């Protein structure tokens, strides 16, 4: 099957984020996601999962595509797995909030609390085993061709050290706007557990999530003040159905925005 699974029973959406701040280095730098042209693919994975490295390598390829926003969420339910003499390995990027995000997706999409790694979720609508390249690529193509109403998202550095976000589109339903901060890339030598001795490469590793506003069905602007990105950091804006359903719009933060 190329996956590991586990049953979880948590019933509430818990998104934990830190208050982020971002520094503008040039007020002219901007980024835009035109309605419908950016597909969001989320990989749920763990450094403690033996079957996950191929999916992580695949995500490393997907992050290079300019028509995708690829994010890697590290779950915590494998952290206490004791793999015989190799012992256990706590994923250094794991967070129970990311496990909960995956659980909510599985309730919404599959109608069950059972989760597994590696799993990819596309636009909050469909899922697939993250290492099944052909099936994932097919679903990414299908997602790009969907004619659903979208919210276009623009991001721009302003002259006051903040991030300006513009939202527009034909979606009438209310939605939440999230600021997702991620590390661009990490190399980790795993010292224990199922992947003992391996060097793992992870990309767009989510480190924090913050709700910064709402989409109310009409053009709107948001500003995140004192926003700073450090070395090896990136960020993205997600507009998502309030039940953590479909992703309605997304954009990355402007390239070159750093401390």
Foldseek 3Di string as FASTA:
>chain_A
DLKFKDFDDDDDQDAFFDQFFFFDPDQVFKWKDPFLQEKEKEWEAEPQDLSAQLLQVVLVVVVPDPSYDYAYAYAFPQQQPQDPPLGGHGGPQHDNNSLSLQQLLCCVAVVHRMDMPGKMDMQQHDIDHSNPVVVVVVVNVVSSPDPDWAKMWMWGHHPQGKIKIKIATQDQDKWWKKKWKFFAKDWDQTCGHPRHRDTGIHGNYTRGMDTQGMDRRHIDMGMRHRHAAAPRMWMKMWTAHPSSHGTRYMITHGPPGHD
